[in-house]
Amino acid sequence: MGENGKLRIVEWAMANGLPPEGFVDMGFLERHRIPAVLAECHAAIFPNRCEGATNLVAMEAMACGVPVILSANTGHLDLIQDGNCLPLRRQSAVADPTGRRRHWGESSVEEAVELLETLYTDRAAARSRAEAAQAFLRGERTWRAFAEAFVAAVA
């Protein structure tokens, strides 16, 4: 953490071997700027060890038509449907000495690279996945559908 309480992403990336031209630190983005940024993306990858709920940023990427790669664990499982994304299925266990990391997983870097290459080399299939994701969000993941499913689960 920096003195201002913000993460020091640039320093972290460079300390881990990334050259300055290998990444872009966009800083804090105001909400209205996010769709334009997502429109420039060829893919979005979320190799999260744990997602405490359904990943809103992943859903935003999917809604904007960005092909998405999701770790097949925790909250991402709610988003993974046949054909709407590429799941990172190779999940290794995360150390859990206190028993609070149930269902967490460490995504395989090799699998992540393979799936990024899949999206890059087959743009038609990537577009098809992105369209399936948009349809999924517009159909099953609306607030109304969520509320109805929640009420049914509680009842």
N, C-alpha and C. Protein backbone atom coordinates (compact mmCIF):
# COMPACT_ATOMS: atom_id res chain seq x y z
N MET A 1 0.84 -1.19 0.00
CA MET A 1 0.00 0.00 0.00
C MET A 1 0.88 1.24 0.00
N GLY A 2 0.44 2.19 -0.76
CA GLY A 2 1.13 3.47 -0.77
C GLY A 2 0.70 4.33 0.41
N GLU A 3 1.34 5.45 0.55
CA GLU A 3 1.01 6.36 1.66
C GLU A 3 -0.43 6.86 1.59
N ASN A 4 -0.97 6.94 0.38
CA ASN A 4 -2.33 7.43 0.21
C ASN A 4 -3.38 6.32 0.37
N GLY A 5 -2.95 5.11 0.74
CA GLY A 5 -3.87 4.01 0.94
C GLY A 5 -4.22 3.25 -0.33
N LYS A 6 -3.68 3.65 -1.46
CA LYS A 6 -3.96 2.98 -2.72
C LYS A 6 -2.90 1.93 -3.01
N LEU A 7 -3.30 0.93 -3.78
CA LEU A 7 -2.36 -0.11 -4.17
C LEU A 7 -1.28 0.47 -5.08
N ARG A 8 -0.10 -0.05 -4.96
CA ARG A 8 1.01 0.42 -5.80
C ARG A 8 1.22 -0.60 -6.93
N ILE A 9 0.29 -0.59 -7.87
CA ILE A 9 0.25 -1.58 -8.94
C ILE A 9 1.50 -1.50 -9.83
N VAL A 10 1.90 -0.32 -10.21
CA VAL A 10 3.06 -0.17 -11.10
C VAL A 10 4.30 -0.77 -10.45
N GLU A 11 4.55 -0.42 -9.20
CA GLU A 11 5.72 -0.95 -8.50
C GLU A 11 5.64 -2.46 -8.37
N TRP A 12 4.45 -2.97 -8.05
CA TRP A 12 4.27 -4.41 -7.91
C TRP A 12 4.53 -5.13 -9.22
N ALA A 13 3.96 -4.63 -10.32
CA ALA A 13 4.14 -5.27 -11.62
C ALA A 13 5.62 -5.30 -12.02
N MET A 14 6.29 -4.19 -11.84
CA MET A 14 7.71 -4.13 -12.22
C MET A 14 8.56 -5.02 -11.30
N ALA A 15 8.23 -5.09 -10.02
CA ALA A 15 8.96 -5.96 -9.09
C ALA A 15 8.78 -7.43 -9.44
N ASN A 16 7.70 -7.74 -10.15
CA ASN A 16 7.44 -9.12 -10.56
C ASN A 16 7.84 -9.38 -12.00
N GLY A 17 8.69 -8.52 -12.55
CA GLY A 17 9.31 -8.78 -13.84
C GLY A 17 8.60 -8.26 -15.07
N LEU A 18 7.52 -7.51 -14.91
CA LEU A 18 6.84 -6.96 -16.08
C LEU A 18 7.51 -5.66 -16.49
N PRO A 19 7.81 -5.52 -17.78
CA PRO A 19 8.37 -4.25 -18.23
C PRO A 19 7.29 -3.17 -18.23
N PRO A 20 7.64 -1.92 -18.09
CA PRO A 20 6.63 -0.85 -18.03
C PRO A 20 5.69 -0.85 -19.22
N GLU A 21 6.15 -1.26 -20.39
CA GLU A 21 5.27 -1.27 -21.58
C GLU A 21 4.38 -2.51 -21.62
N GLY A 22 4.51 -3.42 -20.64
CA GLY A 22 3.76 -4.67 -20.63
C GLY A 22 2.40 -4.58 -19.94
N PHE A 23 2.05 -3.44 -19.42
CA PHE A 23 0.77 -3.29 -18.73
C PHE A 23 0.37 -1.82 -18.74
N VAL A 24 -0.89 -1.60 -18.42
CA VAL A 24 -1.42 -0.24 -18.31
C VAL A 24 -2.11 -0.13 -16.96
N ASP A 25 -1.70 0.82 -16.15
CA ASP A 25 -2.39 1.11 -14.90
C ASP A 25 -3.35 2.27 -15.18
N MET A 26 -4.63 1.95 -15.21
CA MET A 26 -5.63 2.96 -15.53
C MET A 26 -6.09 3.72 -14.30
N GLY A 27 -5.62 3.31 -13.14
CA GLY A 27 -6.06 3.97 -11.92
C GLY A 27 -7.53 3.74 -11.68
N PHE A 28 -8.12 4.58 -10.89
CA PHE A 28 -9.54 4.48 -10.59
C PHE A 28 -10.34 4.96 -11.79
N LEU A 29 -11.32 4.15 -12.21
CA LEU A 29 -12.19 4.54 -13.33
C LEU A 29 -13.58 4.88 -12.80
N GLU A 30 -14.07 6.00 -13.23
CA GLU A 30 -15.45 6.34 -12.89
C GLU A 30 -16.38 5.41 -13.67
N ARG A 31 -17.51 5.11 -13.11
CA ARG A 31 -18.44 4.12 -13.66
C ARG A 31 -18.77 4.36 -15.13
N HIS A 32 -18.97 5.59 -15.51
CA HIS A 32 -19.38 5.87 -16.89
C HIS A 32 -18.27 5.60 -17.90
N ARG A 33 -17.03 5.42 -17.45
CA ARG A 33 -15.92 5.14 -18.37
C ARG A 33 -15.71 3.65 -18.64
N ILE A 34 -16.28 2.81 -17.79
CA ILE A 34 -16.02 1.37 -17.88
C ILE A 34 -16.49 0.75 -19.20
N PRO A 35 -17.70 1.03 -19.71
CA PRO A 35 -18.11 0.40 -20.97
C PRO A 35 -17.15 0.70 -22.13
N ALA A 36 -16.64 1.91 -22.22
CA ALA A 36 -15.71 2.25 -23.30
C ALA A 36 -14.40 1.47 -23.17
N VAL A 37 -13.94 1.28 -21.93
CA VAL A 37 -12.73 0.49 -21.72
C VAL A 37 -12.98 -0.96 -22.09
N LEU A 38 -14.10 -1.53 -21.65
CA LEU A 38 -14.41 -2.91 -21.97
C LEU A 38 -14.58 -3.12 -23.47
N ALA A 39 -15.09 -2.12 -24.18
CA ALA A 39 -15.27 -2.23 -25.62
C ALA A 39 -13.94 -2.40 -26.35
N GLU A 40 -12.86 -1.99 -25.74
CA GLU A 40 -11.53 -2.12 -26.34
C GLU A 40 -10.84 -3.45 -26.02
N CYS A 41 -11.47 -4.26 -25.17
CA CYS A 41 -10.85 -5.51 -24.72
C CYS A 41 -11.14 -6.65 -25.69
N HIS A 42 -10.16 -7.50 -25.89
CA HIS A 42 -10.33 -8.71 -26.70
C HIS A 42 -10.75 -9.90 -25.84
N ALA A 43 -10.45 -9.82 -24.55
CA ALA A 43 -10.80 -10.88 -23.60
C ALA A 43 -10.70 -10.32 -22.20
N ALA A 44 -11.40 -10.98 -21.28
CA ALA A 44 -11.29 -10.66 -19.86
C ALA A 44 -11.06 -11.98 -19.13
N ILE A 45 -10.11 -11.98 -18.22
CA ILE A 45 -9.80 -13.20 -17.49
C ILE A 45 -9.90 -12.94 -15.99
N PHE A 46 -10.57 -13.86 -15.31
CA PHE A 46 -10.79 -13.77 -13.88
C PHE A 46 -10.34 -15.08 -13.23
N PRO A 47 -9.05 -15.20 -12.92
CA PRO A 47 -8.53 -16.44 -12.33
C PRO A 47 -8.64 -16.45 -10.80
N ASN A 48 -9.62 -15.77 -10.28
CA ASN A 48 -9.78 -15.57 -8.84
C ASN A 48 -9.71 -16.88 -8.06
N ARG A 49 -9.03 -16.83 -6.93
CA ARG A 49 -9.03 -17.98 -6.01
C ARG A 49 -10.39 -18.14 -5.38
N CYS A 50 -11.04 -17.02 -5.13
CA CYS A 50 -12.33 -17.04 -4.47
C CYS A 50 -13.11 -15.80 -4.90
N GLU A 51 -14.37 -15.99 -5.18
CA GLU A 51 -15.26 -14.88 -5.49
C GLU A 51 -16.42 -15.02 -4.51
N GLY A 52 -16.48 -14.08 -3.57
CA GLY A 52 -17.44 -14.18 -2.48
C GLY A 52 -18.89 -14.12 -2.90
N ALA A 53 -19.15 -13.60 -4.05
CA ALA A 53 -20.51 -13.53 -4.58
C ALA A 53 -20.38 -13.72 -6.09
N THR A 54 -21.39 -13.34 -6.83
CA THR A 54 -21.27 -13.40 -8.28
C THR A 54 -20.48 -12.19 -8.73
N ASN A 55 -19.48 -12.38 -9.56
CA ASN A 55 -18.52 -11.35 -9.93
C ASN A 55 -19.16 -10.29 -10.83
N LEU A 56 -19.39 -9.10 -10.28
CA LEU A 56 -20.03 -8.02 -11.03
C LEU A 56 -19.19 -7.57 -12.22
N VAL A 57 -17.88 -7.45 -12.05
CA VAL A 57 -17.02 -7.00 -13.16
C VAL A 57 -17.04 -8.03 -14.29
N ALA A 58 -17.04 -9.31 -13.94
CA ALA A 58 -17.14 -10.36 -14.98
C ALA A 58 -18.47 -10.23 -15.72
N MET A 59 -19.55 -9.98 -14.97
CA MET A 59 -20.86 -9.83 -15.62
C MET A 59 -20.88 -8.59 -16.51
N GLU A 60 -20.21 -7.51 -16.09
CA GLU A 60 -20.14 -6.31 -16.93
C GLU A 60 -19.39 -6.61 -18.22
N ALA A 61 -18.29 -7.34 -18.12
CA ALA A 61 -17.53 -7.71 -19.32
C ALA A 61 -18.39 -8.56 -20.24
N MET A 62 -19.07 -9.54 -19.67
CA MET A 62 -19.95 -10.41 -20.47
C MET A 62 -21.05 -9.60 -21.14
N ALA A 63 -21.65 -8.67 -20.39
CA ALA A 63 -22.74 -7.85 -20.93
C ALA A 63 -22.26 -6.95 -22.06
N CYS A 64 -20.98 -6.56 -22.01
CA CYS A 64 -20.42 -5.70 -23.06
C CYS A 64 -19.90 -6.50 -24.25
N GLY A 65 -20.07 -7.81 -24.23
CA GLY A 65 -19.66 -8.62 -25.37
C GLY A 65 -18.20 -8.99 -25.39
N VAL A 66 -17.56 -8.98 -24.25
CA VAL A 66 -16.15 -9.37 -24.15
C VAL A 66 -16.10 -10.86 -23.83
N PRO A 67 -15.37 -11.66 -24.61
CA PRO A 67 -15.20 -13.07 -24.26
C PRO A 67 -14.51 -13.19 -22.90
N VAL A 68 -15.05 -14.06 -22.04
CA VAL A 68 -14.60 -14.13 -20.66
C VAL A 68 -14.07 -15.51 -20.31
N ILE A 69 -13.01 -15.51 -19.51
CA ILE A 69 -12.44 -16.73 -18.92
C ILE A 69 -12.63 -16.61 -17.41
N LEU A 70 -13.26 -17.63 -16.80
CA LEU A 70 -13.57 -17.59 -15.37
C LEU A 70 -13.00 -18.80 -14.64
N SER A 71 -12.46 -18.58 -13.45
CA SER A 71 -12.05 -19.70 -12.61
C SER A 71 -13.30 -20.49 -12.22
N ALA A 72 -13.21 -21.80 -12.32
CA ALA A 72 -14.36 -22.67 -12.02
C ALA A 72 -14.37 -22.98 -10.53
N ASN A 73 -14.65 -21.96 -9.73
CA ASN A 73 -14.77 -22.14 -8.30
C ASN A 73 -15.66 -21.05 -7.72
N THR A 74 -16.10 -21.22 -6.52
CA THR A 74 -16.89 -20.29 -5.71
C THR A 74 -17.94 -19.54 -6.54
N GLY A 75 -18.01 -18.22 -6.39
CA GLY A 75 -19.07 -17.43 -7.02
C GLY A 75 -19.10 -17.45 -8.53
N HIS A 76 -17.99 -17.78 -9.17
CA HIS A 76 -17.98 -17.85 -10.64
C HIS A 76 -18.84 -18.98 -11.17
N LEU A 77 -19.06 -20.00 -10.35
CA LEU A 77 -19.86 -21.14 -10.79
C LEU A 77 -21.28 -20.70 -11.17
N ASP A 78 -21.75 -19.59 -10.59
CA ASP A 78 -23.07 -19.07 -10.94
C ASP A 78 -23.11 -18.52 -12.37
N LEU A 79 -21.97 -18.16 -12.91
CA LEU A 79 -21.93 -17.54 -14.24
C LEU A 79 -21.57 -18.53 -15.34
N ILE A 80 -20.93 -19.62 -14.99
CA ILE A 80 -20.45 -20.56 -16.00
C ILE A 80 -21.61 -21.41 -16.50
N GLN A 81 -21.98 -21.17 -17.75
CA GLN A 81 -23.02 -21.94 -18.43
C GLN A 81 -22.41 -22.46 -19.73
N ASP A 82 -22.95 -23.53 -20.25
CA ASP A 82 -22.40 -24.14 -21.45
C ASP A 82 -22.29 -23.14 -22.59
N GLY A 83 -21.06 -22.86 -23.00
CA GLY A 83 -20.82 -22.03 -24.17
C GLY A 83 -20.75 -20.53 -23.93
N ASN A 84 -20.97 -20.04 -22.71
CA ASN A 84 -20.98 -18.59 -22.52
C ASN A 84 -19.65 -18.02 -22.05
N CYS A 85 -18.70 -18.89 -21.73
CA CYS A 85 -17.37 -18.46 -21.31
C CYS A 85 -16.43 -19.65 -21.42
N LEU A 86 -15.17 -19.42 -21.12
CA LEU A 86 -14.22 -20.52 -21.02
C LEU A 86 -13.86 -20.67 -19.55
N PRO A 87 -14.18 -21.81 -18.95
CA PRO A 87 -13.86 -22.00 -17.53
C PRO A 87 -12.45 -22.52 -17.32
N LEU A 88 -11.81 -22.02 -16.30
CA LEU A 88 -10.51 -22.54 -15.85
C LEU A 88 -10.81 -23.70 -14.91
N ARG A 89 -10.78 -24.90 -15.44
CA ARG A 89 -11.19 -26.08 -14.67
C ARG A 89 -10.06 -26.68 -13.84
N ARG A 90 -8.81 -26.43 -14.23
CA ARG A 90 -7.68 -26.97 -13.46
C ARG A 90 -7.47 -26.10 -12.23
N GLN A 91 -8.13 -26.47 -11.15
CA GLN A 91 -8.07 -25.74 -9.89
C GLN A 91 -7.35 -26.59 -8.86
N SER A 92 -6.23 -26.11 -8.37
CA SER A 92 -5.54 -26.83 -7.30
C SER A 92 -5.94 -26.22 -5.96
N ALA A 93 -5.83 -27.03 -4.93
CA ALA A 93 -6.26 -26.62 -3.60
C ALA A 93 -5.43 -25.45 -3.09
N VAL A 94 -6.06 -24.59 -2.34
CA VAL A 94 -5.40 -23.47 -1.67
C VAL A 94 -5.24 -23.88 -0.21
N ALA A 95 -4.05 -23.62 0.35
CA ALA A 95 -3.82 -23.95 1.76
C ALA A 95 -4.94 -23.36 2.61
N ASP A 96 -5.45 -24.17 3.54
CA ASP A 96 -6.60 -23.75 4.33
C ASP A 96 -6.44 -24.17 5.79
N PRO A 97 -5.47 -23.59 6.49
CA PRO A 97 -5.21 -24.01 7.86
C PRO A 97 -6.34 -23.72 8.85
N THR A 98 -7.19 -22.74 8.55
CA THR A 98 -8.26 -22.38 9.49
C THR A 98 -9.63 -22.88 9.04
N GLY A 99 -9.72 -23.46 7.86
CA GLY A 99 -11.00 -23.95 7.36
C GLY A 99 -11.92 -22.89 6.83
N ARG A 100 -11.39 -21.71 6.51
CA ARG A 100 -12.22 -20.62 6.00
C ARG A 100 -12.09 -20.42 4.48
N ARG A 101 -11.35 -21.28 3.82
CA ARG A 101 -11.15 -21.14 2.37
C ARG A 101 -11.81 -22.31 1.63
N ARG A 102 -12.97 -22.68 2.06
CA ARG A 102 -13.68 -23.80 1.47
C ARG A 102 -14.03 -23.50 0.01
N HIS A 103 -13.71 -24.42 -0.86
CA HIS A 103 -13.99 -24.35 -2.30
C HIS A 103 -13.11 -23.35 -3.06
N TRP A 104 -12.10 -22.78 -2.40
CA TRP A 104 -11.17 -21.90 -3.10
C TRP A 104 -10.33 -22.75 -4.04
N GLY A 105 -9.81 -22.13 -5.10
CA GLY A 105 -8.95 -22.86 -6.03
C GLY A 105 -7.90 -21.95 -6.62
N GLU A 106 -6.76 -22.52 -6.90
CA GLU A 106 -5.67 -21.80 -7.58
C GLU A 106 -5.72 -22.19 -9.04
N SER A 107 -6.00 -21.22 -9.91
CA SER A 107 -6.09 -21.49 -11.34
C SER A 107 -4.73 -21.80 -11.94
N SER A 108 -4.74 -22.66 -12.92
CA SER A 108 -3.52 -23.05 -13.62
C SER A 108 -3.11 -21.95 -14.60
N VAL A 109 -1.90 -21.46 -14.46
CA VAL A 109 -1.38 -20.44 -15.39
C VAL A 109 -1.32 -21.01 -16.80
N GLU A 110 -0.88 -22.25 -16.92
CA GLU A 110 -0.79 -22.89 -18.23
C GLU A 110 -2.15 -22.97 -18.91
N GLU A 111 -3.18 -23.35 -18.14
CA GLU A 111 -4.52 -23.40 -18.70
C GLU A 111 -5.00 -22.01 -19.09
N ALA A 112 -4.71 -21.01 -18.29
CA ALA A 112 -5.10 -19.63 -18.61
C ALA A 112 -4.50 -19.19 -19.94
N VAL A 113 -3.22 -19.48 -20.14
CA VAL A 113 -2.55 -19.13 -21.40
C VAL A 113 -3.20 -19.88 -22.56
N GLU A 114 -3.48 -21.17 -22.37
CA GLU A 114 -4.12 -21.98 -23.42
C GLU A 114 -5.47 -21.37 -23.82
N LEU A 115 -6.26 -20.98 -22.83
CA LEU A 115 -7.58 -20.44 -23.12
C LEU A 115 -7.51 -19.06 -23.78
N LEU A 116 -6.55 -18.24 -23.36
CA LEU A 116 -6.34 -16.95 -24.04
C LEU A 116 -5.96 -17.18 -25.50
N GLU A 117 -5.10 -18.16 -25.74
CA GLU A 117 -4.71 -18.48 -27.12
C GLU A 117 -5.91 -18.99 -27.92
N THR A 118 -6.78 -19.76 -27.27
CA THR A 118 -8.00 -20.25 -27.93
C THR A 118 -8.86 -19.07 -28.39
N LEU A 119 -9.06 -18.10 -27.52
CA LEU A 119 -9.85 -16.92 -27.89
C LEU A 119 -9.18 -16.13 -29.00
N TYR A 120 -7.86 -16.03 -28.95
CA TYR A 120 -7.12 -15.25 -29.94
C TYR A 120 -7.15 -15.92 -31.32
N THR A 121 -6.99 -17.24 -31.35
CA THR A 121 -6.86 -17.92 -32.64
C THR A 121 -8.19 -18.23 -33.30
N ASP A 122 -9.27 -18.29 -32.54
CA ASP A 122 -10.59 -18.58 -33.12
C ASP A 122 -11.54 -17.46 -32.75
N ARG A 123 -11.45 -16.36 -33.48
CA ARG A 123 -12.25 -15.18 -33.16
C ARG A 123 -13.75 -15.43 -33.34
N ALA A 124 -14.11 -16.31 -34.29
CA ALA A 124 -15.54 -16.61 -34.49
C ALA A 124 -16.10 -17.32 -33.27
N ALA A 125 -15.37 -18.28 -32.74
CA ALA A 125 -15.82 -18.98 -31.54
C ALA A 125 -15.84 -18.03 -30.34
N ALA A 126 -14.86 -17.14 -30.26
CA ALA A 126 -14.84 -16.15 -29.17
C ALA A 126 -16.07 -15.26 -29.25
N ARG A 127 -16.43 -14.82 -30.46
CA ARG A 127 -17.61 -13.98 -30.65
C ARG A 127 -18.87 -14.74 -30.27
N SER A 128 -18.94 -16.02 -30.63
CA SER A 128 -20.09 -16.85 -30.30
C SER A 128 -20.26 -16.97 -28.79
N ARG A 129 -19.15 -17.16 -28.06
CA ARG A 129 -19.20 -17.23 -26.59
C ARG A 129 -19.68 -15.90 -26.01
N ALA A 130 -19.16 -14.81 -26.56
CA ALA A 130 -19.55 -13.49 -26.06
C ALA A 130 -21.05 -13.26 -26.28
N GLU A 131 -21.56 -13.66 -27.42
CA GLU A 131 -22.99 -13.51 -27.69
C GLU A 131 -23.83 -14.39 -26.77
N ALA A 132 -23.35 -15.61 -26.49
CA ALA A 132 -24.06 -16.50 -25.56
C ALA A 132 -24.07 -15.89 -24.16
N ALA A 133 -22.98 -15.26 -23.77
CA ALA A 133 -22.90 -14.61 -22.46
C ALA A 133 -23.89 -13.45 -22.37
N GLN A 134 -23.95 -12.65 -23.43
CA GLN A 134 -24.91 -11.54 -23.43
C GLN A 134 -26.34 -12.06 -23.31
N ALA A 135 -26.67 -13.11 -24.05
CA ALA A 135 -28.02 -13.69 -23.98
C ALA A 135 -28.30 -14.24 -22.59
N PHE A 136 -27.32 -14.89 -21.99
CA PHE A 136 -27.46 -15.43 -20.63
C PHE A 136 -27.76 -14.31 -19.64
N LEU A 137 -27.02 -13.21 -19.72
CA LEU A 137 -27.23 -12.10 -18.79
C LEU A 137 -28.56 -11.41 -19.01
N ARG A 138 -28.96 -11.29 -20.25
CA ARG A 138 -30.24 -10.63 -20.55
C ARG A 138 -31.44 -11.50 -20.20
N GLY A 139 -31.21 -12.81 -20.13
CA GLY A 139 -32.31 -13.73 -19.83
C GLY A 139 -32.31 -14.17 -18.39
N GLU A 140 -31.34 -14.98 -18.02
CA GLU A 140 -31.33 -15.60 -16.69
C GLU A 140 -30.79 -14.70 -15.58
N ARG A 141 -29.97 -13.71 -15.89
CA ARG A 141 -29.30 -12.95 -14.83
C ARG A 141 -29.87 -11.54 -14.66
N THR A 142 -31.12 -11.35 -15.01
CA THR A 142 -31.74 -10.06 -14.74
C THR A 142 -32.04 -9.98 -13.24
N TRP A 143 -32.24 -8.77 -12.74
CA TRP A 143 -32.58 -8.62 -11.33
C TRP A 143 -33.89 -9.34 -11.01
N ARG A 144 -34.85 -9.29 -11.91
CA ARG A 144 -36.12 -9.97 -11.68
C ARG A 144 -35.91 -11.48 -11.56
N ALA A 145 -35.17 -12.05 -12.51
CA ALA A 145 -34.92 -13.50 -12.47
C ALA A 145 -34.15 -13.88 -11.21
N PHE A 146 -33.19 -13.06 -10.82
CA PHE A 146 -32.43 -13.32 -9.60
C PHE A 146 -33.35 -13.30 -8.38
N ALA A 147 -34.18 -12.27 -8.28
CA ALA A 147 -35.08 -12.14 -7.13
C ALA A 147 -36.04 -13.32 -7.06
N GLU A 148 -36.59 -13.71 -8.20
CA GLU A 148 -37.52 -14.85 -8.22
C GLU A 148 -36.83 -16.14 -7.80
N ALA A 149 -35.62 -16.37 -8.28
CA ALA A 149 -34.87 -17.56 -7.91
C ALA A 149 -34.53 -17.54 -6.43
N PHE A 150 -34.17 -16.38 -5.91
CA PHE A 150 -33.84 -16.25 -4.50
C PHE A 150 -35.06 -16.56 -3.62
N VAL A 151 -36.19 -15.98 -3.97
CA VAL A 151 -37.41 -16.21 -3.20
C VAL A 151 -37.79 -17.70 -3.26
N ALA A 152 -37.65 -18.31 -4.41
CA ALA A 152 -37.98 -19.73 -4.55
C ALA A 152 -37.03 -20.59 -3.70
N ALA A 153 -35.75 -20.21 -3.64
CA ALA A 153 -34.79 -20.97 -2.85
C ALA A 153 -35.06 -20.86 -1.36
N VAL A 154 -35.50 -19.69 -0.93
CA VAL A 154 -35.78 -19.47 0.49
C VAL A 154 -37.08 -20.17 0.90
N ALA A 155 -38.03 -20.20 -0.02
CA ALA A 155 -39.33 -20.81 0.27
C ALA A 155 -39.24 -22.30 0.29
